[in-house]
């Protein structure tokens, strides 16, 4: 059973030796990522006329608030 400070399964961020051989450090694991917008890529896709955002469920069903963000 996980100790109180470790509420998640092992991560890919550090090595995981055989159980019982070492102790995991008592450190926080933060899962983070970033999204990058590239204006030139958006302009290219728009210029081809082959992409209709309304056919993408994430665009089609988003709320006005989500669209504004």
PDB file of N, CA and C in Angstrom:
ATOM      1  N   UNK A   1       0.842  -1.184   0.000  1.00  0.00           N
ATOM      2  CA  UNK A   1       0.000   0.000   0.000  1.00  0.00           C
ATOM      3  C   UNK A   1       0.884   1.243   0.000  1.00  0.00           C
ATOM      4  N   UNK A   2       0.473   2.251  -0.754  1.00  0.00           N
ATOM      5  CA  UNK A   2       1.238   3.488  -0.846  1.00  0.00           C
ATOM      6  C   UNK A   2       1.225   4.228   0.485  1.00  0.00           C
ATOM      7  N   UNK A   3       2.351   4.831   0.787  1.00  0.00           N
ATOM      8  CA  UNK A   3       2.403   5.656   1.993  1.00  0.00           C
ATOM      9  C   UNK A   3       1.565   6.910   1.756  1.00  0.00           C
ATOM     10  N   UNK A   4       1.247   7.614   2.816  1.00  0.00           N
ATOM     11  CA  UNK A   4       0.356   8.768   2.725  1.00  0.00           C
ATOM     12  C   UNK A   4       0.896   9.834   1.774  1.00  0.00           C
ATOM     13  N   UNK A   5       2.213   9.999   1.672  1.00  0.00           N
ATOM     14  CA  UNK A   5       2.782  11.025   0.809  1.00  0.00           C
ATOM     15  C   UNK A   5       2.846  10.579  -0.648  1.00  0.00           C
ATOM     16  N   UNK A   6       2.681   9.301  -0.909  1.00  0.00           N
ATOM     17  CA  UNK A   6       2.767   8.790  -2.264  1.00  0.00           C
ATOM     18  C   UNK A   6       1.417   8.192  -2.656  1.00  0.00           C
ATOM     19  N   UNK A   7       0.560   9.002  -3.255  1.00  0.00           N
ATOM     20  CA  UNK A   7      -0.789   8.564  -3.577  1.00  0.00           C
ATOM     21  C   UNK A   7      -0.913   8.067  -5.020  1.00  0.00           C
ATOM     22  N   UNK A   8       0.194   8.019  -5.745  1.00  0.00           N
ATOM     23  CA  UNK A   8       0.142   7.656  -7.153  1.00  0.00           C
ATOM     24  C   UNK A   8       1.078   6.491  -7.441  1.00  0.00           C
ATOM     25  N   UNK A   9       0.876   5.870  -8.599  1.00  0.00           N
ATOM     26  CA  UNK A   9       1.726   4.772  -9.035  1.00  0.00           C
ATOM     27  C   UNK A   9       3.093   5.307  -9.466  1.00  0.00           C
ATOM     28  N   UNK A  10       4.058   4.415  -9.694  1.00  0.00           N
ATOM     29  CA  UNK A  10       5.374   4.844 -10.158  1.00  0.00           C
ATOM     30  C   UNK A  10       5.274   5.657 -11.453  1.00  0.00           C
ATOM     31  N   UNK A  11       6.182   6.586 -11.612  1.00  0.00           N
ATOM     32  CA  UNK A  11       6.212   7.421 -12.807  1.00  0.00           C
ATOM     33  C   UNK A  11       7.395   7.032 -13.683  1.00  0.00           C
ATOM     34  N   UNK A  12       7.390   7.527 -14.889  1.00  0.00           N
ATOM     35  CA  UNK A  12       8.500   7.274 -15.802  1.00  0.00           C
ATOM     36  C   UNK A  12       9.651   8.234 -15.532  1.00  0.00           C
ATOM     37  N   UNK A  13       9.461   9.182 -14.619  1.00  0.00           N
ATOM     38  CA  UNK A  13      10.461  10.211 -14.386  1.00  0.00           C
ATOM     39  C   UNK A  13      11.682   9.722 -13.620  1.00  0.00           C
ATOM     40  N   UNK A  14      11.598   8.580 -12.993  1.00  0.00           N
ATOM     41  CA  UNK A  14      12.758   8.077 -12.254  1.00  0.00           C
ATOM     42  C   UNK A  14      12.801   6.559 -12.323  1.00  0.00           C
ATOM     43  N   UNK A  15      13.967   6.015 -12.069  1.00  0.00           N
ATOM     44  CA  UNK A  15      14.155   4.561 -12.129  1.00  0.00           C
ATOM     45  C   UNK A  15      13.375   3.883 -11.007  1.00  0.00           C
ATOM     46  N   UNK A  16      12.926   2.671 -11.275  1.00  0.00           N
ATOM     47  CA  UNK A  16      12.177   1.907 -10.285  1.00  0.00           C
ATOM     48  C   UNK A  16      12.812   0.528 -10.142  1.00  0.00           C
ATOM     49  N   UNK A  17      13.754   0.402  -9.210  1.00  0.00           N
ATOM     50  CA  UNK A  17      14.385  -0.895  -9.004  1.00  0.00           C
ATOM     51  C   UNK A  17      13.388  -1.915  -8.453  1.00  0.00           C
ATOM     52  N   UNK A  18      13.848  -3.114  -8.269  1.00  0.00           N
ATOM     53  CA  UNK A  18      12.970  -4.161  -7.750  1.00  0.00           C
ATOM     54  C   UNK A  18      12.386  -3.745  -6.403  1.00  0.00           C
ATOM     55  N   UNK A  19      11.111  -4.050  -6.175  1.00  0.00           N
ATOM     56  CA  UNK A  19      10.463  -3.672  -4.916  1.00  0.00           C
ATOM     57  C   UNK A  19      11.220  -4.208  -3.698  1.00  0.00           C
ATOM     58  N   UNK A  20      11.289  -3.407  -2.671  1.00  0.00           N
ATOM     59  CA  UNK A  20      11.912  -3.831  -1.426  1.00  0.00           C
ATOM     60  C   UNK A  20      13.409  -3.603  -1.366  1.00  0.00           C
ATOM     61  N   UNK A  21      14.023  -3.249  -2.460  1.00  0.00           N
ATOM     62  CA  UNK A  21      15.481  -3.061  -2.483  1.00  0.00           C
ATOM     63  C   UNK A  21      15.892  -1.642  -2.103  1.00  0.00           C
ATOM     64  N   UNK A  22      15.098  -0.673  -2.472  1.00  0.00           N
ATOM     65  CA  UNK A  22      15.396   0.731  -2.157  1.00  0.00           C
ATOM     66  C   UNK A  22      14.110   1.428  -1.756  1.00  0.00           C
ATOM     67  N   UNK A  23      14.240   2.604  -1.237  1.00  0.00           N
ATOM     68  CA  UNK A  23      13.083   3.407  -0.867  1.00  0.00           C
ATOM     69  C   UNK A  23      12.951   4.564  -1.847  1.00  0.00           C
ATOM     70  N   UNK A  24      11.735   4.861  -2.208  1.00  0.00           N
ATOM     71  CA  UNK A  24      11.504   6.020  -3.072  1.00  0.00           C
ATOM     72  C   UNK A  24      11.760   7.291  -2.278  1.00  0.00           C
ATOM     73  N   UNK A  25      12.281   8.325  -2.931  1.00  0.00           N
ATOM     74  CA  UNK A  25      12.478   9.596  -2.226  1.00  0.00           C
ATOM     75  C   UNK A  25      11.127  10.216  -1.873  1.00  0.00           C
ATOM     76  N   UNK A  26      11.081  10.920  -0.778  1.00  0.00           N
ATOM     77  CA  UNK A  26       9.837  11.581  -0.379  1.00  0.00           C
ATOM     78  C   UNK A  26       9.770  12.937  -1.077  1.00  0.00           C
ATOM     79  N   UNK A  27       9.528  12.884  -2.362  1.00  0.00           N
ATOM     80  CA  UNK A  27       9.442  14.098  -3.156  1.00  0.00           C
ATOM     81  C   UNK A  27       8.138  14.106  -3.930  1.00  0.00           C
ATOM     82  N   UNK A  28       7.731  15.274  -4.321  1.00  0.00           N
ATOM     83  CA  UNK A  28       6.500  15.461  -5.060  1.00  0.00           C
ATOM     84  C   UNK A  28       6.763  15.256  -6.548  1.00  0.00           C
ATOM     85  N   UNK A  29       5.916  14.515  -7.223  1.00  0.00           N
ATOM     86  CA  UNK A  29       6.004  14.350  -8.673  1.00  0.00           C
ATOM     87  C   UNK A  29       4.929  15.221  -9.299  1.00  0.00           C
ATOM     88  N   UNK A  30       5.335  16.113 -10.181  1.00  0.00           N
ATOM     89  CA  UNK A  30       4.402  17.019 -10.844  1.00  0.00           C
ATOM     90  C   UNK A  30       4.348  16.653 -12.318  1.00  0.00           C
ATOM     91  N   UNK A  31       3.163  16.308 -12.797  1.00  0.00           N
ATOM     92  CA  UNK A  31       2.963  15.987 -14.203  1.00  0.00           C
ATOM     93  C   UNK A  31       2.556  17.278 -14.899  1.00  0.00           C
ATOM     94  N   UNK A  32       3.395  17.744 -15.812  1.00  0.00           N
ATOM     95  CA  UNK A  32       3.084  19.008 -16.478  1.00  0.00           C
ATOM     96  C   UNK A  32       3.435  18.940 -17.955  1.00  0.00           C
ATOM     97  N   UNK A  33       2.756  19.746 -18.731  1.00  0.00           N
ATOM     98  CA  UNK A  33       3.028  19.854 -20.150  1.00  0.00           C
ATOM     99  C   UNK A  33       2.606  21.237 -20.613  1.00  0.00           C
ATOM    100  N   UNK A  34       2.920  21.559 -21.827  1.00  0.00           N
ATOM    101  CA  UNK A  34       2.564  22.870 -22.358  1.00  0.00           C
ATOM    102  C   UNK A  34       2.024  22.719 -23.782  1.00  0.00           C
ATOM    103  N   UNK A  35       1.180  23.634 -24.159  1.00  0.00           N
ATOM    104  CA  UNK A  35       0.669  23.689 -25.516  1.00  0.00           C
ATOM    105  C   UNK A  35       1.325  24.878 -26.203  1.00  0.00           C
ATOM    106  N   UNK A  36       1.685  24.704 -27.436  1.00  0.00           N
ATOM    107  CA  UNK A  36       2.354  25.765 -28.186  1.00  0.00           C
ATOM    108  C   UNK A  36       1.518  26.096 -29.416  1.00  0.00           C
ATOM    109  N   UNK A  37       1.266  27.363 -29.611  1.00  0.00           N
ATOM    110  CA  UNK A  37       0.560  27.798 -30.810  1.00  0.00           C
ATOM    111  C   UNK A  37       1.558  28.351 -31.807  1.00  0.00           C
ATOM    112  N   UNK A  38       1.501  27.885 -33.038  1.00  0.00           N
ATOM    113  CA  UNK A  38       2.411  28.363 -34.081  1.00  0.00           C
ATOM    114  C   UNK A  38       1.556  29.037 -35.151  1.00  0.00           C
ATOM    115  N   UNK A  39       1.537  30.382 -35.157  1.00  0.00           N
ATOM    116  CA  UNK A  39       0.673  31.107 -36.090  1.00  0.00           C
ATOM    117  C   UNK A  39       0.880  30.704 -37.556  1.00  0.00           C
ATOM    118  N   UNK A  40       2.118  30.495 -37.970  1.00  0.00           N
ATOM    119  CA  UNK A  40       2.380  30.127 -39.371  1.00  0.00           C
ATOM    120  C   UNK A  40       1.712  28.798 -39.725  1.00  0.00           C
ATOM    121  N   UNK A  41       1.682  27.863 -38.793  1.00  0.00           N
ATOM    122  CA  UNK A  41       1.036  26.576 -39.045  1.00  0.00           C
ATOM    123  C   UNK A  41      -0.471  26.770 -39.204  1.00  0.00           C
ATOM    124  N   UNK A  42      -1.052  27.609 -38.355  1.00  0.00           N
ATOM    125  CA  UNK A  42      -2.481  27.896 -38.458  1.00  0.00           C
ATOM    126  C   UNK A  42      -2.831  28.569 -39.774  1.00  0.00           C
ATOM    127  N   UNK A  43      -1.986  29.491 -40.209  1.00  0.00           N
ATOM    128  CA  UNK A  43      -2.209  30.174 -41.485  1.00  0.00           C
ATOM    129  C   UNK A  43      -2.114  29.186 -42.652  1.00  0.00           C
ATOM    130  N   UNK A  44      -1.165  28.276 -42.571  1.00  0.00           N
ATOM    131  CA  UNK A  44      -1.010  27.282 -43.628  1.00  0.00           C
ATOM    132  C   UNK A  44      -2.249  26.389 -43.727  1.00  0.00           C
ATOM    133  N   UNK A  45      -2.696  25.895 -42.586  1.00  0.00           N
ATOM    134  CA  UNK A  45      -3.870  25.018 -42.580  1.00  0.00           C
ATOM    135  C   UNK A  45      -5.084  25.777 -43.116  1.00  0.00           C
ATOM    136  N   UNK A  46      -5.251  27.020 -42.707  1.00  0.00           N
ATOM    137  CA  UNK A  46      -6.383  27.819 -43.181  1.00  0.00           C
ATOM    138  C   UNK A  46      -6.301  28.054 -44.690  1.00  0.00           C
ATOM    139  N   UNK A  47      -5.093  28.223 -45.209  1.00  0.00           N
ATOM    140  CA  UNK A  47      -4.930  28.513 -46.638  1.00  0.00           C
ATOM    141  C   UNK A  47      -5.220  27.309 -47.522  1.00  0.00           C
ATOM    142  N   UNK A  48      -5.134  26.103 -46.994  1.00  0.00           N
ATOM    143  CA  UNK A  48      -5.371  24.918 -47.813  1.00  0.00           C
ATOM    144  C   UNK A  48      -6.851  24.687 -48.062  1.00  0.00           C
ATOM    145  N   UNK A  49      -7.706  25.185 -47.156  1.00  0.00           N
ATOM    146  CA  UNK A  49      -9.144  24.993 -47.301  1.00  0.00           C
ATOM    147  C   UNK A  49      -9.590  23.560 -47.059  1.00  0.00           C
ATOM    148  N   UNK A  50      -8.692  22.729 -46.542  1.00  0.00           N
ATOM    149  CA  UNK A  50      -9.007  21.308 -46.337  1.00  0.00           C
ATOM    150  C   UNK A  50      -9.408  20.974 -44.909  1.00  0.00           C
ATOM    151  N   UNK A  51      -9.379  21.962 -44.018  1.00  0.00           N
ATOM    152  CA  UNK A  51      -9.702  21.679 -42.622  1.00  0.00           C
ATOM    153  C   UNK A  51     -10.954  22.438 -42.219  1.00  0.00           C
ATOM    154  N   UNK A  52     -11.954  21.703 -41.796  1.00  0.00           N
ATOM    155  CA  UNK A  52     -13.182  22.307 -41.287  1.00  0.00           C
ATOM    156  C   UNK A  52     -13.241  22.039 -39.788  1.00  0.00           C
ATOM    157  N   UNK A  53     -12.998  23.062 -38.955  1.00  0.00           N
ATOM    158  CA  UNK A  53     -12.975  22.852 -37.503  1.00  0.00           C
ATOM    159  C   UNK A  53     -14.270  22.271 -36.955  1.00  0.00           C
ATOM    160  N   UNK A  54     -15.375  22.508 -37.627  1.00  0.00           N
ATOM    161  CA  UNK A  54     -16.664  22.006 -37.133  1.00  0.00           C
ATOM    162  C   UNK A  54     -16.781  20.492 -37.245  1.00  0.00           C
ATOM    163  N   UNK A  55     -15.866  19.841 -37.944  1.00  0.00           N
ATOM    164  CA  UNK A  55     -15.883  18.379 -38.023  1.00  0.00           C
ATOM    165  C   UNK A  55     -15.088  17.752 -36.883  1.00  0.00           C
ATOM    166  N   UNK A  56     -14.413  18.577 -36.081  1.00  0.00           N
ATOM    167  CA  UNK A  56     -13.635  18.097 -34.947  1.00  0.00           C
ATOM    168  C   UNK A  56     -14.502  18.197 -33.693  1.00  0.00           C
ATOM    169  N   UNK A  57     -14.812  17.076 -33.023  1.00  0.00           N
ATOM    170  CA  UNK A  57     -15.691  17.123 -31.852  1.00  0.00           C
ATOM    171  C   UNK A  57     -15.242  18.108 -30.772  1.00  0.00           C
ATOM    172  N   UNK A  58     -13.942  18.231 -30.558  1.00  0.00           N
ATOM    173  CA  UNK A  58     -13.473  19.159 -29.519  1.00  0.00           C
ATOM    174  C   UNK A  58     -13.803  20.602 -29.864  1.00  0.00           C
ATOM    175  N   UNK A  59     -13.917  20.910 -31.133  1.00  0.00           N
ATOM    176  CA  UNK A  59     -14.293  22.261 -31.565  1.00  0.00           C
ATOM    177  C   UNK A  59     -15.812  22.368 -31.667  1.00  0.00           C
ATOM    178  N   UNK A  60     -16.407  21.374 -32.269  1.00  0.00           N
ATOM    179  CA  UNK A  60     -17.855  21.420 -32.522  1.00  0.00           C
ATOM    180  C   UNK A  60     -18.677  21.547 -31.243  1.00  0.00           C
ATOM    181  N   UNK A  61     -18.295  20.843 -30.189  1.00  0.00           N
ATOM    182  CA  UNK A  61     -19.101  20.803 -28.973  1.00  0.00           C
ATOM    183  C   UNK A  61     -18.586  21.709 -27.864  1.00  0.00           C
ATOM    184  N   UNK A  62     -17.620  22.579 -28.147  1.00  0.00           N
ATOM    185  CA  UNK A  62     -17.126  23.457 -27.083  1.00  0.00           C
ATOM    186  C   UNK A  62     -18.117  24.577 -26.788  1.00  0.00           C
ATOM    187  N   UNK A  63     -18.060  25.064 -25.563  1.00  0.00           N
ATOM    188  CA  UNK A  63     -18.963  26.151 -25.172  1.00  0.00           C
ATOM    189  C   UNK A  63     -18.390  27.494 -25.657  1.00  0.00           C
ATOM    190  N   UNK A  64     -19.198  28.534 -25.588  1.00  0.00           N
ATOM    191  CA  UNK A  64     -18.717  29.861 -25.977  1.00  0.00           C
ATOM    192  C   UNK A  64     -17.550  30.289 -25.102  1.00  0.00           C
ATOM    193  N   UNK A  65     -17.615  29.939 -23.811  1.00  0.00           N
ATOM    194  CA  UNK A  65     -16.531  30.310 -22.899  1.00  0.00           C
ATOM    195  C   UNK A  65     -15.231  29.607 -23.293  1.00  0.00           C
ATOM    196  N   UNK A  66     -15.310  28.322 -23.574  1.00  0.00           N
ATOM    197  CA  UNK A  66     -14.116  27.573 -23.981  1.00  0.00           C
ATOM    198  C   UNK A  66     -13.573  28.137 -25.288  1.00  0.00           C
ATOM    199  N   UNK A  67     -14.427  28.448 -26.210  1.00  0.00           N
ATOM    200  CA  UNK A  67     -14.009  29.014 -27.503  1.00  0.00           C
ATOM    201  C   UNK A  67     -13.281  30.329 -27.292  1.00  0.00           C
ATOM    202  N   UNK A  68     -13.738  31.152 -26.357  1.00  0.00           N
ATOM    203  CA  UNK A  68     -13.101  32.431 -26.090  1.00  0.00           C
ATOM    204  C   UNK A  68     -11.699  32.268 -25.527  1.00  0.00           C
ATOM    205  N   UNK A  69     -11.527  31.238 -24.716  1.00  0.00           N
ATOM    206  CA  UNK A  69     -10.205  30.985 -24.124  1.00  0.00           C
ATOM    207  C   UNK A  69      -9.250  30.527 -25.201  1.00  0.00           C
TER     208      UNK A  69
END
